[in-house]
């Protein structure tokens, strides 16, 4: 199972439980030293195998190269789209760069990873599962988090659309 943003927070905790129940876990994120420390900690606590690698999911070619390398060893069975970014800002104060900082990770990055993994599953006829972490404001809206709300809503639409397009293949 590949967990993006797996070095800290929710990604780390999900990885802990995947490992506890027997999965081999791969974690990626931008900070290599944090990932290595998390991998060691989880293996010391739970045993098993945690592999870590640095990856900025905002870079589509880097994502595709990393996923290609993973699949050369063995196909993934699961993907958890957990990597995200957010900050609180009144929308009228939000700069274009601030918006892009969030959208490039959450919206674009999640698509890049999902697309790279999914197309390989389809080519191999390999079944897999994808979990994409959303936020409550996808359904309720929320002040001061417009870039995240928009991006997470897009991830929900992607997930539902891919369920229709790819679901029949497993």
N, C-alpha and C. Protein backbone atom coordinates (compact mmCIF):
# COMPACT_ATOMS: atom_id res chain seq x y z
N UNK A 1 0.86 -1.17 0.00
CA UNK A 1 0.00 0.00 0.00
C UNK A 1 0.91 1.23 0.00
N UNK A 2 0.66 2.13 -0.93
CA UNK A 2 1.38 3.40 -0.97
C UNK A 2 0.54 4.46 -0.28
N UNK A 3 1.15 5.15 0.69
CA UNK A 3 0.49 6.24 1.40
C UNK A 3 1.26 7.52 1.10
N UNK A 4 0.62 8.44 0.37
CA UNK A 4 1.25 9.73 0.12
C UNK A 4 1.12 10.57 1.39
N UNK A 5 2.12 11.38 1.66
CA UNK A 5 2.10 12.15 2.91
C UNK A 5 2.14 11.21 4.10
N UNK A 6 2.89 10.11 3.98
CA UNK A 6 2.89 9.06 5.00
C UNK A 6 3.84 9.27 6.15
N UNK A 7 4.59 10.35 6.16
CA UNK A 7 5.59 10.55 7.20
C UNK A 7 5.08 11.09 8.50
N UNK A 8 3.92 11.75 8.49
CA UNK A 8 3.40 12.39 9.69
C UNK A 8 1.87 12.28 9.72
N UNK A 9 1.31 12.65 10.85
CA UNK A 9 -0.14 12.81 10.98
C UNK A 9 -0.96 11.60 10.59
N UNK A 10 -2.04 11.88 9.89
CA UNK A 10 -2.98 10.83 9.48
C UNK A 10 -2.30 9.77 8.62
N UNK A 11 -1.42 10.18 7.71
CA UNK A 11 -0.72 9.22 6.86
C UNK A 11 0.12 8.25 7.67
N UNK A 12 0.81 8.76 8.68
CA UNK A 12 1.63 7.92 9.55
C UNK A 12 0.75 6.94 10.32
N UNK A 13 -0.36 7.41 10.85
CA UNK A 13 -1.23 6.54 11.64
C UNK A 13 -1.90 5.46 10.78
N UNK A 14 -2.33 5.84 9.57
CA UNK A 14 -2.89 4.82 8.68
C UNK A 14 -1.83 3.79 8.33
N UNK A 15 -0.62 4.25 8.06
CA UNK A 15 0.48 3.33 7.74
C UNK A 15 0.73 2.37 8.90
N UNK A 16 0.66 2.88 10.12
CA UNK A 16 0.86 2.05 11.31
C UNK A 16 -0.14 0.89 11.32
N UNK A 17 -1.39 1.17 11.02
CA UNK A 17 -2.41 0.12 11.06
C UNK A 17 -2.34 -0.81 9.86
N UNK A 18 -2.00 -0.30 8.69
CA UNK A 18 -1.80 -1.19 7.54
C UNK A 18 -0.68 -2.17 7.86
N UNK A 19 0.39 -1.69 8.44
CA UNK A 19 1.53 -2.52 8.80
C UNK A 19 1.13 -3.53 9.88
N UNK A 20 0.41 -3.08 10.86
CA UNK A 20 -0.03 -3.95 11.96
C UNK A 20 -0.84 -5.13 11.45
N UNK A 21 -1.60 -4.91 10.40
CA UNK A 21 -2.45 -5.97 9.86
C UNK A 21 -1.83 -6.69 8.67
N UNK A 22 -0.51 -6.55 8.50
CA UNK A 22 0.22 -7.38 7.56
C UNK A 22 0.58 -6.80 6.22
N UNK A 23 0.25 -5.57 5.96
CA UNK A 23 0.57 -4.97 4.66
C UNK A 23 2.03 -4.54 4.63
N UNK A 24 2.63 -4.61 3.45
CA UNK A 24 3.90 -3.93 3.21
C UNK A 24 3.52 -2.50 2.83
N UNK A 25 4.17 -1.53 3.45
CA UNK A 25 3.77 -0.14 3.29
C UNK A 25 4.90 0.67 2.66
N UNK A 26 4.52 1.49 1.71
CA UNK A 26 5.44 2.47 1.12
C UNK A 26 4.90 3.84 1.50
N UNK A 27 5.78 4.69 2.01
CA UNK A 27 5.37 6.05 2.36
C UNK A 27 6.21 7.03 1.55
N UNK A 28 5.56 8.08 1.10
CA UNK A 28 6.29 9.12 0.38
C UNK A 28 5.85 10.49 0.87
N UNK A 29 6.69 11.44 0.62
CA UNK A 29 6.45 12.82 0.98
C UNK A 29 7.66 13.63 0.56
N UNK A 30 7.68 14.89 0.89
CA UNK A 30 8.76 15.76 0.44
C UNK A 30 9.99 15.73 1.35
N UNK A 31 9.82 15.33 2.60
CA UNK A 31 10.94 15.40 3.56
C UNK A 31 11.50 14.01 3.85
N UNK A 32 12.59 13.68 3.17
CA UNK A 32 13.20 12.35 3.26
C UNK A 32 13.56 11.94 4.67
N UNK A 33 14.14 12.84 5.45
CA UNK A 33 14.56 12.47 6.80
C UNK A 33 13.37 12.13 7.69
N UNK A 34 12.27 12.84 7.54
CA UNK A 34 11.05 12.54 8.30
C UNK A 34 10.52 11.17 7.91
N UNK A 35 10.51 10.88 6.62
CA UNK A 35 10.03 9.59 6.13
C UNK A 35 10.88 8.44 6.66
N UNK A 36 12.19 8.60 6.61
CA UNK A 36 13.08 7.55 7.10
C UNK A 36 12.87 7.30 8.59
N UNK A 37 12.72 8.36 9.35
CA UNK A 37 12.47 8.23 10.79
C UNK A 37 11.14 7.52 11.05
N UNK A 38 10.12 7.89 10.31
CA UNK A 38 8.81 7.24 10.46
C UNK A 38 8.89 5.77 10.09
N UNK A 39 9.56 5.44 9.00
CA UNK A 39 9.69 4.04 8.59
C UNK A 39 10.37 3.22 9.68
N UNK A 40 11.47 3.73 10.24
CA UNK A 40 12.17 3.02 11.32
C UNK A 40 11.26 2.85 12.54
N UNK A 41 10.60 3.92 12.91
CA UNK A 41 9.71 3.87 14.09
C UNK A 41 8.61 2.83 13.91
N UNK A 42 7.97 2.84 12.77
CA UNK A 42 6.87 1.90 12.54
C UNK A 42 7.35 0.46 12.50
N UNK A 43 8.48 0.22 11.86
CA UNK A 43 9.01 -1.15 11.82
C UNK A 43 9.45 -1.61 13.20
N UNK A 44 10.04 -0.72 14.00
CA UNK A 44 10.42 -1.08 15.37
C UNK A 44 9.20 -1.44 16.20
N UNK A 45 8.11 -0.72 16.00
CA UNK A 45 6.89 -0.95 16.78
C UNK A 45 6.11 -2.16 16.30
N UNK A 46 5.97 -2.32 14.99
CA UNK A 46 5.06 -3.31 14.44
C UNK A 46 5.73 -4.46 13.71
N UNK A 47 7.04 -4.34 13.43
CA UNK A 47 7.69 -5.32 12.56
C UNK A 47 7.30 -5.02 11.13
N UNK A 48 7.48 -5.98 10.26
CA UNK A 48 7.07 -5.80 8.88
C UNK A 48 8.00 -4.91 8.09
N UNK A 49 7.51 -4.45 6.94
CA UNK A 49 8.33 -3.69 6.01
C UNK A 49 7.66 -2.35 5.70
N UNK A 50 8.41 -1.28 5.92
CA UNK A 50 8.00 0.06 5.50
C UNK A 50 9.14 0.63 4.67
N UNK A 51 8.85 0.96 3.44
CA UNK A 51 9.83 1.60 2.57
C UNK A 51 9.43 3.06 2.40
N UNK A 52 10.42 3.92 2.37
CA UNK A 52 10.13 5.35 2.23
C UNK A 52 10.93 5.94 1.08
N UNK A 53 10.37 6.96 0.46
CA UNK A 53 11.08 7.67 -0.59
C UNK A 53 10.54 9.08 -0.70
N UNK A 54 11.44 9.99 -1.02
CA UNK A 54 11.05 11.39 -1.20
C UNK A 54 10.37 11.55 -2.54
N UNK A 55 9.27 12.29 -2.54
CA UNK A 55 8.54 12.55 -3.78
C UNK A 55 7.70 13.80 -3.58
N UNK A 56 7.81 14.70 -4.52
CA UNK A 56 6.94 15.87 -4.56
C UNK A 56 5.85 15.55 -5.58
N UNK A 57 4.66 15.26 -5.10
CA UNK A 57 3.59 14.82 -6.00
C UNK A 57 3.11 15.91 -6.94
N UNK A 58 3.61 17.12 -6.77
CA UNK A 58 3.26 18.21 -7.68
C UNK A 58 3.99 18.09 -9.03
N UNK A 59 4.96 17.22 -9.12
CA UNK A 59 5.78 17.07 -10.33
C UNK A 59 5.36 15.79 -11.06
N UNK A 60 4.55 15.90 -12.12
CA UNK A 60 3.99 14.71 -12.76
C UNK A 60 5.02 13.71 -13.27
N UNK A 61 6.12 14.17 -13.83
CA UNK A 61 7.13 13.23 -14.34
C UNK A 61 7.82 12.49 -13.20
N UNK A 62 8.08 13.20 -12.10
CA UNK A 62 8.67 12.55 -10.94
C UNK A 62 7.73 11.49 -10.37
N UNK A 63 6.45 11.82 -10.32
CA UNK A 63 5.45 10.85 -9.86
C UNK A 63 5.47 9.62 -10.75
N UNK A 64 5.40 9.82 -12.05
CA UNK A 64 5.35 8.68 -12.97
C UNK A 64 6.62 7.84 -12.87
N UNK A 65 7.78 8.48 -12.74
CA UNK A 65 9.03 7.73 -12.59
C UNK A 65 9.03 6.90 -11.31
N UNK A 66 8.57 7.48 -10.21
CA UNK A 66 8.53 6.76 -8.93
C UNK A 66 7.57 5.58 -8.98
N UNK A 67 6.40 5.79 -9.54
CA UNK A 67 5.41 4.70 -9.61
C UNK A 67 5.92 3.60 -10.55
N UNK A 68 6.54 3.97 -11.64
CA UNK A 68 7.13 2.99 -12.56
C UNK A 68 8.15 2.12 -11.82
N UNK A 69 9.00 2.76 -11.03
CA UNK A 69 10.01 2.04 -10.27
C UNK A 69 9.37 1.08 -9.26
N UNK A 70 8.34 1.54 -8.58
CA UNK A 70 7.63 0.67 -7.62
C UNK A 70 7.08 -0.55 -8.33
N UNK A 71 6.43 -0.34 -9.46
CA UNK A 71 5.80 -1.45 -10.18
C UNK A 71 6.82 -2.40 -10.80
N UNK A 72 8.05 -1.95 -11.02
CA UNK A 72 9.08 -2.85 -11.52
C UNK A 72 9.42 -3.90 -10.47
N UNK A 73 9.29 -3.53 -9.20
CA UNK A 73 9.54 -4.49 -8.12
C UNK A 73 8.31 -5.37 -7.90
N UNK A 74 7.15 -4.76 -7.78
CA UNK A 74 5.88 -5.48 -7.60
C UNK A 74 4.76 -4.46 -7.69
N UNK A 75 3.61 -4.87 -8.23
CA UNK A 75 2.50 -3.92 -8.30
C UNK A 75 1.94 -3.60 -6.91
N UNK A 76 1.46 -2.39 -6.78
CA UNK A 76 0.76 -2.00 -5.56
C UNK A 76 -0.60 -2.69 -5.52
N UNK A 77 -1.13 -2.88 -4.33
CA UNK A 77 -2.50 -3.35 -4.17
C UNK A 77 -3.41 -2.23 -3.69
N UNK A 78 -2.81 -1.20 -3.12
CA UNK A 78 -3.60 -0.09 -2.60
C UNK A 78 -2.86 1.22 -2.66
N UNK A 79 -3.63 2.28 -2.75
CA UNK A 79 -3.11 3.64 -2.76
C UNK A 79 -3.96 4.47 -1.82
N UNK A 80 -3.31 5.21 -0.94
CA UNK A 80 -4.00 6.17 -0.08
C UNK A 80 -3.50 7.56 -0.46
N UNK A 81 -4.39 8.35 -1.06
CA UNK A 81 -4.10 9.73 -1.41
C UNK A 81 -4.32 10.58 -0.17
N UNK A 82 -3.24 10.80 0.57
CA UNK A 82 -3.33 11.52 1.83
C UNK A 82 -2.59 12.85 1.79
N UNK A 83 -1.58 12.99 0.94
CA UNK A 83 -0.79 14.22 0.91
C UNK A 83 -1.69 15.42 0.65
N UNK A 84 -1.45 16.48 1.40
CA UNK A 84 -2.28 17.68 1.26
C UNK A 84 -1.54 18.88 1.81
N UNK A 85 -2.10 20.01 1.58
CA UNK A 85 -1.60 21.25 2.14
C UNK A 85 -2.81 22.14 2.38
N UNK A 86 -2.70 23.02 3.34
CA UNK A 86 -3.78 23.96 3.60
C UNK A 86 -3.28 25.07 4.50
N UNK A 87 -3.91 26.18 4.43
CA UNK A 87 -3.71 27.26 5.39
C UNK A 87 -5.00 28.06 5.42
N UNK A 88 -5.21 28.74 6.50
CA UNK A 88 -6.42 29.54 6.71
C UNK A 88 -6.17 30.93 6.12
N UNK A 89 -7.12 31.39 5.31
CA UNK A 89 -7.00 32.73 4.74
C UNK A 89 -8.38 33.23 4.33
N UNK A 90 -8.64 34.49 4.64
CA UNK A 90 -9.83 35.09 4.08
C UNK A 90 -9.66 35.04 2.56
N UNK A 91 -10.69 34.66 1.86
CA UNK A 91 -10.58 34.48 0.41
C UNK A 91 -10.18 35.77 -0.28
N UNK A 92 -10.68 36.90 0.17
CA UNK A 92 -10.33 38.16 -0.48
C UNK A 92 -8.85 38.52 -0.28
N UNK A 93 -8.20 37.89 0.70
CA UNK A 93 -6.78 38.13 0.94
C UNK A 93 -5.88 37.09 0.27
N UNK A 94 -6.47 36.08 -0.30
CA UNK A 94 -5.73 34.96 -0.89
C UNK A 94 -5.05 35.39 -2.19
N UNK A 95 -3.77 35.12 -2.30
CA UNK A 95 -3.07 35.43 -3.54
C UNK A 95 -3.22 34.25 -4.52
N UNK A 96 -2.93 34.53 -5.77
CA UNK A 96 -2.96 33.45 -6.77
C UNK A 96 -1.93 32.38 -6.43
N UNK A 97 -0.79 32.80 -5.94
CA UNK A 97 0.25 31.84 -5.56
C UNK A 97 -0.19 31.00 -4.36
N UNK A 98 -0.89 31.61 -3.43
CA UNK A 98 -1.41 30.86 -2.29
C UNK A 98 -2.41 29.81 -2.72
N UNK A 99 -3.31 30.22 -3.63
CA UNK A 99 -4.28 29.26 -4.17
C UNK A 99 -3.56 28.11 -4.85
N UNK A 100 -2.59 28.44 -5.70
CA UNK A 100 -1.87 27.42 -6.46
C UNK A 100 -1.08 26.48 -5.54
N UNK A 101 -0.57 27.00 -4.44
CA UNK A 101 0.19 26.16 -3.51
C UNK A 101 -0.66 25.00 -2.99
N UNK A 102 -1.91 25.27 -2.71
CA UNK A 102 -2.81 24.23 -2.22
C UNK A 102 -3.31 23.35 -3.37
N UNK A 103 -3.78 23.97 -4.43
CA UNK A 103 -4.34 23.21 -5.56
C UNK A 103 -3.31 22.30 -6.22
N UNK A 104 -2.05 22.74 -6.25
CA UNK A 104 -1.05 21.91 -6.93
C UNK A 104 -0.76 20.62 -6.16
N UNK A 105 -0.84 20.66 -4.86
CA UNK A 105 -0.65 19.44 -4.07
C UNK A 105 -1.93 18.60 -4.08
N UNK A 106 -3.01 19.20 -3.61
CA UNK A 106 -4.23 18.44 -3.36
C UNK A 106 -4.89 17.99 -4.66
N UNK A 107 -5.14 18.90 -5.55
CA UNK A 107 -5.88 18.59 -6.78
C UNK A 107 -4.99 17.92 -7.82
N UNK A 108 -3.94 18.61 -8.23
CA UNK A 108 -3.08 18.10 -9.29
C UNK A 108 -2.30 16.87 -8.82
N UNK A 109 -1.63 16.97 -7.67
CA UNK A 109 -0.81 15.87 -7.18
C UNK A 109 -1.59 14.59 -6.97
N UNK A 110 -2.77 14.70 -6.41
CA UNK A 110 -3.59 13.51 -6.19
C UNK A 110 -3.96 12.88 -7.52
N UNK A 111 -4.29 13.69 -8.51
CA UNK A 111 -4.57 13.13 -9.84
C UNK A 111 -3.34 12.45 -10.41
N UNK A 112 -2.17 13.10 -10.33
CA UNK A 112 -0.97 12.52 -10.92
C UNK A 112 -0.68 11.13 -10.35
N UNK A 113 -0.77 10.98 -9.03
CA UNK A 113 -0.48 9.69 -8.41
C UNK A 113 -1.55 8.67 -8.79
N UNK A 114 -2.82 9.07 -8.70
CA UNK A 114 -3.91 8.15 -9.03
C UNK A 114 -3.81 7.69 -10.48
N UNK A 115 -3.55 8.59 -11.37
CA UNK A 115 -3.45 8.27 -12.80
C UNK A 115 -2.29 7.31 -13.06
N UNK A 116 -1.15 7.58 -12.46
CA UNK A 116 0.03 6.75 -12.69
C UNK A 116 -0.17 5.34 -12.16
N UNK A 117 -0.74 5.22 -10.98
CA UNK A 117 -1.02 3.89 -10.41
C UNK A 117 -2.13 3.20 -11.20
N UNK A 118 -3.21 3.92 -11.44
CA UNK A 118 -4.37 3.32 -12.11
C UNK A 118 -4.07 2.81 -13.50
N UNK A 119 -3.32 3.55 -14.29
CA UNK A 119 -3.04 3.09 -15.65
C UNK A 119 -2.18 1.83 -15.63
N UNK A 120 -1.32 1.69 -14.64
CA UNK A 120 -0.52 0.47 -14.54
C UNK A 120 -1.38 -0.71 -14.10
N UNK A 121 -2.30 -0.48 -13.18
CA UNK A 121 -3.22 -1.55 -12.81
C UNK A 121 -4.01 -2.02 -14.03
N UNK A 122 -4.49 -1.08 -14.80
CA UNK A 122 -5.28 -1.44 -15.99
C UNK A 122 -4.44 -2.22 -16.99
N UNK A 123 -3.20 -1.79 -17.24
CA UNK A 123 -2.32 -2.48 -18.17
C UNK A 123 -2.04 -3.91 -17.72
N UNK A 124 -1.90 -4.11 -16.41
CA UNK A 124 -1.58 -5.44 -15.87
C UNK A 124 -2.81 -6.29 -15.58
N UNK A 125 -4.00 -5.69 -15.61
CA UNK A 125 -5.19 -6.40 -15.18
C UNK A 125 -5.15 -6.69 -13.69
N UNK A 126 -4.46 -5.85 -12.94
CA UNK A 126 -4.27 -6.03 -11.50
C UNK A 126 -5.35 -5.24 -10.75
N UNK A 127 -6.02 -5.89 -9.82
CA UNK A 127 -7.04 -5.20 -9.04
C UNK A 127 -6.40 -4.42 -7.90
N UNK A 128 -6.99 -3.29 -7.55
CA UNK A 128 -6.46 -2.46 -6.49
C UNK A 128 -7.53 -1.57 -5.90
N UNK A 129 -7.17 -0.94 -4.81
CA UNK A 129 -8.09 -0.04 -4.10
C UNK A 129 -7.44 1.31 -3.89
N UNK A 130 -8.24 2.35 -4.01
CA UNK A 130 -7.78 3.71 -3.79
C UNK A 130 -8.66 4.36 -2.73
N UNK A 131 -8.01 4.94 -1.74
CA UNK A 131 -8.69 5.75 -0.74
C UNK A 131 -8.15 7.16 -0.89
N UNK A 132 -9.02 8.12 -1.03
CA UNK A 132 -8.60 9.52 -1.11
C UNK A 132 -9.20 10.27 0.07
N UNK A 133 -8.34 10.90 0.84
CA UNK A 133 -8.78 11.60 2.04
C UNK A 133 -9.43 12.92 1.63
N UNK A 134 -10.64 13.14 2.10
CA UNK A 134 -11.38 14.37 1.83
C UNK A 134 -11.50 15.16 3.13
N UNK A 135 -12.32 16.16 3.13
CA UNK A 135 -12.58 16.98 4.31
C UNK A 135 -14.06 17.30 4.34
N UNK A 136 -14.58 17.57 5.53
CA UNK A 136 -16.03 17.79 5.66
C UNK A 136 -16.54 18.92 4.81
N UNK A 137 -15.67 19.91 4.52
CA UNK A 137 -16.16 21.06 3.76
C UNK A 137 -16.45 20.73 2.31
N UNK A 138 -16.15 19.51 1.86
CA UNK A 138 -16.58 19.07 0.53
C UNK A 138 -18.12 19.07 0.48
N UNK A 139 -18.75 18.71 1.59
CA UNK A 139 -20.21 18.63 1.65
C UNK A 139 -20.84 19.85 2.29
N UNK A 140 -20.12 20.49 3.23
CA UNK A 140 -20.74 21.56 4.01
C UNK A 140 -20.26 22.96 3.65
N UNK A 141 -19.14 23.05 2.95
CA UNK A 141 -18.51 24.34 2.74
C UNK A 141 -17.88 24.80 4.03
N UNK A 142 -16.93 25.73 3.93
CA UNK A 142 -16.30 26.29 5.11
C UNK A 142 -15.60 27.58 4.73
N UNK A 143 -15.65 28.52 5.61
CA UNK A 143 -14.94 29.79 5.39
C UNK A 143 -13.44 29.58 5.49
N UNK A 144 -12.71 30.38 4.74
CA UNK A 144 -11.26 30.51 4.87
C UNK A 144 -10.44 29.34 4.35
N UNK A 145 -11.07 28.37 3.68
CA UNK A 145 -10.34 27.21 3.13
C UNK A 145 -10.76 26.93 1.69
N UNK A 146 -11.06 27.97 0.95
CA UNK A 146 -11.58 27.81 -0.41
C UNK A 146 -10.68 26.96 -1.31
N UNK A 147 -9.35 27.17 -1.34
CA UNK A 147 -8.54 26.33 -2.22
C UNK A 147 -8.62 24.85 -1.88
N UNK A 148 -8.62 24.53 -0.60
CA UNK A 148 -8.73 23.14 -0.18
C UNK A 148 -10.12 22.59 -0.48
N UNK A 149 -11.15 23.37 -0.18
CA UNK A 149 -12.52 22.92 -0.44
C UNK A 149 -12.73 22.63 -1.92
N UNK A 150 -12.24 23.52 -2.77
CA UNK A 150 -12.37 23.31 -4.22
C UNK A 150 -11.59 22.07 -4.66
N UNK A 151 -10.36 21.94 -4.17
CA UNK A 151 -9.51 20.82 -4.58
C UNK A 151 -10.06 19.50 -4.07
N UNK A 152 -10.46 19.46 -2.81
CA UNK A 152 -11.01 18.21 -2.25
C UNK A 152 -12.32 17.84 -2.93
N UNK A 153 -13.12 18.83 -3.33
CA UNK A 153 -14.34 18.54 -4.08
C UNK A 153 -14.00 17.93 -5.43
N UNK A 154 -12.93 18.42 -6.05
CA UNK A 154 -12.47 17.82 -7.30
C UNK A 154 -12.02 16.39 -7.12
N UNK A 155 -11.37 16.09 -6.01
CA UNK A 155 -10.94 14.72 -5.72
C UNK A 155 -12.16 13.82 -5.54
N UNK A 156 -13.18 14.33 -4.89
CA UNK A 156 -14.43 13.55 -4.76
C UNK A 156 -14.99 13.25 -6.14
N UNK A 157 -15.05 14.25 -7.02
CA UNK A 157 -15.57 14.05 -8.37
C UNK A 157 -14.70 13.06 -9.14
N UNK A 158 -13.38 13.16 -8.99
CA UNK A 158 -12.48 12.21 -9.64
C UNK A 158 -12.77 10.79 -9.17
N UNK A 159 -12.89 10.62 -7.87
CA UNK A 159 -13.12 9.30 -7.29
C UNK A 159 -14.43 8.69 -7.80
N UNK A 160 -15.48 9.48 -7.80
CA UNK A 160 -16.77 8.97 -8.29
C UNK A 160 -16.71 8.66 -9.78
N UNK A 161 -16.05 9.51 -10.55
CA UNK A 161 -15.93 9.28 -11.99
C UNK A 161 -15.08 8.04 -12.29
N UNK A 162 -13.98 7.85 -11.55
CA UNK A 162 -13.15 6.67 -11.77
C UNK A 162 -13.84 5.40 -11.31
N UNK A 163 -14.70 5.51 -10.31
CA UNK A 163 -15.47 4.33 -9.90
C UNK A 163 -16.34 3.84 -11.05
N UNK A 164 -16.91 4.78 -11.81
CA UNK A 164 -17.72 4.42 -12.98
C UNK A 164 -16.82 3.91 -14.10
N UNK A 165 -15.72 4.61 -14.36
CA UNK A 165 -14.84 4.25 -15.50
C UNK A 165 -14.00 3.01 -15.24
N UNK A 166 -13.40 2.91 -14.05
CA UNK A 166 -12.47 1.81 -13.78
C UNK A 166 -13.05 0.72 -12.87
N UNK A 167 -14.15 1.00 -12.21
CA UNK A 167 -14.69 0.06 -11.22
C UNK A 167 -14.95 -1.34 -11.76
N UNK A 168 -15.41 -1.43 -12.98
CA UNK A 168 -15.74 -2.73 -13.57
C UNK A 168 -14.50 -3.62 -13.71
N UNK A 169 -13.31 -3.01 -13.70
CA UNK A 169 -12.08 -3.79 -13.87
C UNK A 169 -11.51 -4.28 -12.53
N UNK A 170 -12.13 -3.86 -11.46
CA UNK A 170 -11.64 -4.25 -10.14
C UNK A 170 -10.64 -3.28 -9.59
